[in-house]
Amino acid sequence: MLPKDPMLLLSVVNTKLRDNYPSLEELCHGEDADQEEIVRTLDAIGYVYQPDLNQFR
């Protein structure tokens, strides 16, 4: 289960993307997470997924 707090979510998602998953889609599948919810939550604090970097910036 991923955290709901946006800043914690950012940290956890970027760490998992760096260490375990080659894409956001694979992270969401592996963690049984809603990709749209992650994108929406992090967009609200100014972070956008960068597929070429495989991280939110």
PDB file of N, CA and C in Angstrom:
ATOM      1  N   MET A   1       0.848  -1.186   0.000  1.00  0.00           N
ATOM      2  CA  MET A   1       0.000   0.000   0.000  1.00  0.00           C
ATOM      3  C   MET A   1       0.894   1.251   0.000  1.00  0.00           C
ATOM      4  N   LEU A   2       0.597   2.151  -0.902  1.00  0.00           N
ATOM      5  CA  LEU A   2       1.365   3.390  -1.009  1.00  0.00           C
ATOM      6  C   LEU A   2       0.779   4.444  -0.074  1.00  0.00           C
ATOM      7  N   PRO A   3       1.616   5.354   0.441  1.00  0.00           N
ATOM      8  CA  PRO A   3       1.119   6.398   1.340  1.00  0.00           C
ATOM      9  C   PRO A   3       0.188   7.374   0.625  1.00  0.00           C
ATOM     10  N   LYS A   4      -0.700   7.978   1.391  1.00  0.00           N
ATOM     11  CA  LYS A   4      -1.633   8.965   0.843  1.00  0.00           C
ATOM     12  C   LYS A   4      -1.047  10.378   0.858  1.00  0.00           C
ATOM     13  N   ASP A   5      -0.175  10.668   1.817  1.00  0.00           N
ATOM     14  CA  ASP A   5       0.444  11.983   1.905  1.00  0.00           C
ATOM     15  C   ASP A   5       1.259  12.231   0.639  1.00  0.00           C
ATOM     16  N   PRO A   6       1.025  13.341  -0.061  1.00  0.00           N
ATOM     17  CA  PRO A   6       1.692  13.587  -1.342  1.00  0.00           C
ATOM     18  C   PRO A   6       3.221  13.571  -1.282  1.00  0.00           C
ATOM     19  N   MET A   7       3.813  14.163  -0.261  1.00  0.00           N
ATOM     20  CA  MET A   7       5.274  14.196  -0.183  1.00  0.00           C
ATOM     21  C   MET A   7       5.849  12.810   0.111  1.00  0.00           C
ATOM     22  N   LEU A   8       5.182  12.055   0.964  1.00  0.00           N
ATOM     23  CA  LEU A   8       5.630  10.684   1.217  1.00  0.00           C
ATOM     24  C   LEU A   8       5.436   9.826  -0.029  1.00  0.00           C
ATOM     25  N   LEU A   9       4.318  10.032  -0.704  1.00  0.00           N
ATOM     26  CA  LEU A   9       4.042   9.295  -1.938  1.00  0.00           C
ATOM     27  C   LEU A   9       5.134   9.562  -2.967  1.00  0.00           C
ATOM     28  N   LEU A  10       5.508  10.810  -3.131  1.00  0.00           N
ATOM     29  CA  LEU A  10       6.572  11.181  -4.065  1.00  0.00           C
ATOM     30  C   LEU A  10       7.855  10.427  -3.747  1.00  0.00           C
ATOM     31  N   SER A  11       8.254  10.438  -2.500  1.00  0.00           N
ATOM     32  CA  SER A  11       9.487   9.783  -2.094  1.00  0.00           C
ATOM     33  C   SER A  11       9.426   8.276  -2.331  1.00  0.00           C
ATOM     34  N   VAL A  12       8.341   7.644  -1.927  1.00  0.00           N
ATOM     35  CA  VAL A  12       8.203   6.199  -2.060  1.00  0.00           C
ATOM     36  C   VAL A  12       8.142   5.795  -3.529  1.00  0.00           C
ATOM     37  N   VAL A  13       7.341   6.506  -4.316  1.00  0.00           N
ATOM     38  CA  VAL A  13       7.191   6.161  -5.731  1.00  0.00           C
ATOM     39  C   VAL A  13       8.522   6.336  -6.470  1.00  0.00           C
ATOM     40  N   ASN A  14       9.203   7.446  -6.271  1.00  0.00           N
ATOM     41  CA  ASN A  14      10.480   7.646  -6.964  1.00  0.00           C
ATOM     42  C   ASN A  14      11.523   6.612  -6.539  1.00  0.00           C
ATOM     43  N   THR A  15      11.521   6.241  -5.278  1.00  0.00           N
ATOM     44  CA  THR A  15      12.452   5.211  -4.814  1.00  0.00           C
ATOM     45  C   THR A  15      12.127   3.865  -5.458  1.00  0.00           C
ATOM     46  N   LYS A  16      10.858   3.508  -5.486  1.00  0.00           N
ATOM     47  CA  LYS A  16      10.462   2.241  -6.107  1.00  0.00           C
ATOM     48  C   LYS A  16      10.756   2.254  -7.613  1.00  0.00           C
ATOM     49  N   LEU A  17      10.535   3.378  -8.265  1.00  0.00           N
ATOM     50  CA  LEU A  17      10.849   3.469  -9.690  1.00  0.00           C
ATOM     51  C   LEU A  17      12.348   3.308  -9.915  1.00  0.00           C
ATOM     52  N   ARG A  18      13.138   3.904  -9.081  1.00  0.00           N
ATOM     53  CA  ARG A  18      14.593   3.813  -9.213  1.00  0.00           C
ATOM     54  C   ARG A  18      15.096   2.392  -8.945  1.00  0.00           C
ATOM     55  N   ASP A  19      14.566   1.763  -7.906  1.00  0.00           N
ATOM     56  CA  ASP A  19      15.127   0.493  -7.440  1.00  0.00           C
ATOM     57  C   ASP A  19      14.463  -0.760  -8.003  1.00  0.00           C
ATOM     58  N   ASN A  20      13.165  -0.672  -8.343  1.00  0.00           N
ATOM     59  CA  ASN A  20      12.431  -1.907  -8.620  1.00  0.00           C
ATOM     60  C   ASN A  20      11.659  -1.969  -9.930  1.00  0.00           C
ATOM     61  N   TYR A  21      11.288  -0.841 -10.491  1.00  0.00           N
ATOM     62  CA  TYR A  21      10.376  -0.856 -11.636  1.00  0.00           C
ATOM     63  C   TYR A  21      10.907  -0.005 -12.783  1.00  0.00           C
ATOM     64  N   PRO A  22      10.835  -0.521 -14.011  1.00  0.00           N
ATOM     65  CA  PRO A  22      11.321   0.230 -15.170  1.00  0.00           C
ATOM     66  C   PRO A  22      10.327   1.254 -15.708  1.00  0.00           C
ATOM     67  N   SER A  23       9.095   1.270 -15.155  1.00  0.00           N
ATOM     68  CA  SER A  23       8.099   2.241 -15.623  1.00  0.00           C
ATOM     69  C   SER A  23       7.022   2.438 -14.559  1.00  0.00           C
ATOM     70  N   LEU A  24       6.302   3.535 -14.685  1.00  0.00           N
ATOM     71  CA  LEU A  24       5.187   3.814 -13.777  1.00  0.00           C
ATOM     72  C   LEU A  24       4.107   2.753 -13.938  1.00  0.00           C
ATOM     73  N   GLU A  25       3.845   2.324 -15.161  1.00  0.00           N
ATOM     74  CA  GLU A  25       2.832   1.284 -15.392  1.00  0.00           C
ATOM     75  C   GLU A  25       3.183   0.005 -14.650  1.00  0.00           C
ATOM     76  N   GLU A  26       4.431  -0.398 -14.700  1.00  0.00           N
ATOM     77  CA  GLU A  26       4.838  -1.622 -14.016  1.00  0.00           C
ATOM     78  C   GLU A  26       4.783  -1.460 -12.504  1.00  0.00           C
ATOM     79  N   LEU A  27       5.131  -0.285 -11.994  1.00  0.00           N
ATOM     80  CA  LEU A  27       5.006  -0.026 -10.565  1.00  0.00           C
ATOM     81  C   LEU A  27       3.552  -0.179 -10.140  1.00  0.00           C
ATOM     82  N   CYS A  28       2.643   0.427 -10.877  1.00  0.00           N
ATOM     83  CA  CYS A  28       1.222   0.374 -10.520  1.00  0.00           C
ATOM     84  C   CYS A  28       0.696  -1.053 -10.570  1.00  0.00           C
ATOM     85  N   HIS A  29       1.128  -1.803 -11.562  1.00  0.00           N
ATOM     86  CA  HIS A  29       0.707  -3.196 -11.653  1.00  0.00           C
ATOM     87  C   HIS A  29       1.277  -4.002 -10.479  1.00  0.00           C
ATOM     88  N   GLY A  30       2.554  -3.841 -10.209  1.00  0.00           N
ATOM     89  CA  GLY A  30       3.208  -4.588  -9.144  1.00  0.00           C
ATOM     90  C   GLY A  30       2.728  -4.231  -7.752  1.00  0.00           C
ATOM     91  N   GLU A  31       2.337  -2.980  -7.552  1.00  0.00           N
ATOM     92  CA  GLU A  31       1.893  -2.505  -6.239  1.00  0.00           C
ATOM     93  C   GLU A  31       0.367  -2.466  -6.126  1.00  0.00           C
ATOM     94  N   ASP A  32      -0.330  -2.884  -7.186  1.00  0.00           N
ATOM     95  CA  ASP A  32      -1.793  -2.833  -7.243  1.00  0.00           C
ATOM     96  C   ASP A  32      -2.282  -1.423  -6.893  1.00  0.00           C
ATOM     97  N   ALA A  33      -1.700  -0.433  -7.572  1.00  0.00           N
ATOM     98  CA  ALA A  33      -1.987   0.974  -7.311  1.00  0.00           C
ATOM     99  C   ALA A  33      -2.682   1.598  -8.520  1.00  0.00           C
ATOM    100  N   ASP A  34      -3.437   2.650  -8.269  1.00  0.00           N
ATOM    101  CA  ASP A  34      -4.162   3.374  -9.318  1.00  0.00           C
ATOM    102  C   ASP A  34      -3.244   4.443  -9.913  1.00  0.00           C
ATOM    103  N   GLN A  35      -2.835   4.244 -11.153  1.00  0.00           N
ATOM    104  CA  GLN A  35      -1.892   5.161 -11.804  1.00  0.00           C
ATOM    105  C   GLN A  35      -2.467   6.565 -11.894  1.00  0.00           C
ATOM    106  N   GLU A  36      -3.724   6.690 -12.255  1.00  0.00           N
ATOM    107  CA  GLU A  36      -4.338   8.022 -12.375  1.00  0.00           C
ATOM    108  C   GLU A  36      -4.342   8.753 -11.043  1.00  0.00           C
ATOM    109  N   GLU A  37      -4.576   8.026  -9.961  1.00  0.00           N
ATOM    110  CA  GLU A  37      -4.581   8.657  -8.640  1.00  0.00           C
ATOM    111  C   GLU A  37      -3.184   9.149  -8.263  1.00  0.00           C
ATOM    112  N   ILE A  38      -2.168   8.356  -8.552  1.00  0.00           N
ATOM    113  CA  ILE A  38      -0.790   8.770  -8.274  1.00  0.00           C
ATOM    114  C   ILE A  38      -0.441  10.014  -9.080  1.00  0.00           C
ATOM    115  N   VAL A  39      -0.726   9.983 -10.367  1.00  0.00           N
ATOM    116  CA  VAL A  39      -0.422  11.120 -11.248  1.00  0.00           C
ATOM    117  C   VAL A  39      -1.161  12.363 -10.775  1.00  0.00           C
ATOM    118  N   ARG A  40      -2.424  12.228 -10.445  1.00  0.00           N
ATOM    119  CA  ARG A  40      -3.245  13.365 -10.001  1.00  0.00           C
ATOM    120  C   ARG A  40      -2.714  13.928  -8.672  1.00  0.00           C
ATOM    121  N   THR A  41      -2.402  13.045  -7.736  1.00  0.00           N
ATOM    122  CA  THR A  41      -1.916  13.484  -6.421  1.00  0.00           C
ATOM    123  C   THR A  41      -0.595  14.230  -6.536  1.00  0.00           C
ATOM    124  N   LEU A  42       0.315  13.700  -7.338  1.00  0.00           N
ATOM    125  CA  LEU A  42       1.630  14.345  -7.457  1.00  0.00           C
ATOM    126  C   LEU A  42       1.573  15.593  -8.334  1.00  0.00           C
ATOM    127  N   ASP A  43       0.677  15.613  -9.305  1.00  0.00           N
ATOM    128  CA  ASP A  43       0.487  16.818 -10.112  1.00  0.00           C
ATOM    129  C   ASP A  43       0.007  17.977  -9.241  1.00  0.00           C
ATOM    130  N   ALA A  44      -0.808  17.664  -8.238  1.00  0.00           N
ATOM    131  CA  ALA A  44      -1.348  18.698  -7.350  1.00  0.00           C
ATOM    132  C   ALA A  44      -0.252  19.402  -6.553  1.00  0.00           C
ATOM    133  N   ILE A  45       0.908  18.746  -6.387  1.00  0.00           N
ATOM    134  CA  ILE A  45       2.017  19.397  -5.683  1.00  0.00           C
ATOM    135  C   ILE A  45       3.148  19.763  -6.646  1.00  0.00           C
ATOM    136  N   GLY A  46       2.832  19.738  -7.934  1.00  0.00           N
ATOM    137  CA  GLY A  46       3.768  20.245  -8.933  1.00  0.00           C
ATOM    138  C   GLY A  46       4.730  19.237  -9.529  1.00  0.00           C
ATOM    139  N   TYR A  47       4.464  17.950  -9.373  1.00  0.00           N
ATOM    140  CA  TYR A  47       5.358  16.923  -9.916  1.00  0.00           C
ATOM    141  C   TYR A  47       4.679  16.173 -11.057  1.00  0.00           C
ATOM    142  N   VAL A  48       5.440  15.943 -12.120  1.00  0.00           N
ATOM    143  CA  VAL A  48       4.938  15.274 -13.321  1.00  0.00           C
ATOM    144  C   VAL A  48       5.865  14.101 -13.627  1.00  0.00           C
ATOM    145  N   TYR A  49       5.274  12.984 -14.051  1.00  0.00           N
ATOM    146  CA  TYR A  49       6.078  11.811 -14.393  1.00  0.00           C
ATOM    147  C   TYR A  49       6.862  12.067 -15.671  1.00  0.00           C
ATOM    148  N   GLN A  50       8.157  11.799 -15.615  1.00  0.00           N
ATOM    149  CA  GLN A  50       9.065  11.928 -16.760  1.00  0.00           C
ATOM    150  C   GLN A  50       9.467  10.528 -17.194  1.00  0.00           C
ATOM    151  N   PRO A  51       8.830   9.960 -18.221  1.00  0.00           N
ATOM    152  CA  PRO A  51       9.130   8.578 -18.608  1.00  0.00           C
ATOM    153  C   PRO A  51      10.594   8.355 -18.988  1.00  0.00           C
ATOM    154  N   ASP A  52      11.214   9.346 -19.612  1.00  0.00           N
ATOM    155  CA  ASP A  52      12.609   9.180 -20.018  1.00  0.00           C
ATOM    156  C   ASP A  52      13.552   9.083 -18.811  1.00  0.00           C
ATOM    157  N   LEU A  53      13.165   9.680 -17.699  1.00  0.00           N
ATOM    158  CA  LEU A  53      13.956   9.603 -16.469  1.00  0.00           C
ATOM    159  C   LEU A  53      13.408   8.560 -15.498  1.00  0.00           C
ATOM    160  N   ASN A  54      12.192   8.084 -15.762  1.00  0.00           N
ATOM    161  CA  ASN A  54      11.482   7.148 -14.903  1.00  0.00           C
ATOM    162  C   ASN A  54      11.385   7.672 -13.469  1.00  0.00           C
ATOM    163  N   GLN A  55      10.949   8.927 -13.361  1.00  0.00           N
ATOM    164  CA  GLN A  55      10.734   9.537 -12.055  1.00  0.00           C
ATOM    165  C   GLN A  55       9.810  10.735 -12.177  1.00  0.00           C
ATOM    166  N   PHE A  56       9.269  11.106 -11.020  1.00  0.00           N
ATOM    167  CA  PHE A  56       8.460  12.329 -10.965  1.00  0.00           C
ATOM    168  C   PHE A  56       9.397  13.472 -10.656  1.00  0.00           C
ATOM    169  N   ARG A  57       9.240  14.577 -11.412  1.00  0.00           N
ATOM    170  CA  ARG A  57      10.060  15.779 -11.201  1.00  0.00           C
ATOM    171  C   ARG A  57       9.171  16.984 -11.245  1.00  0.00           C
TER     172      ARG A  57
END
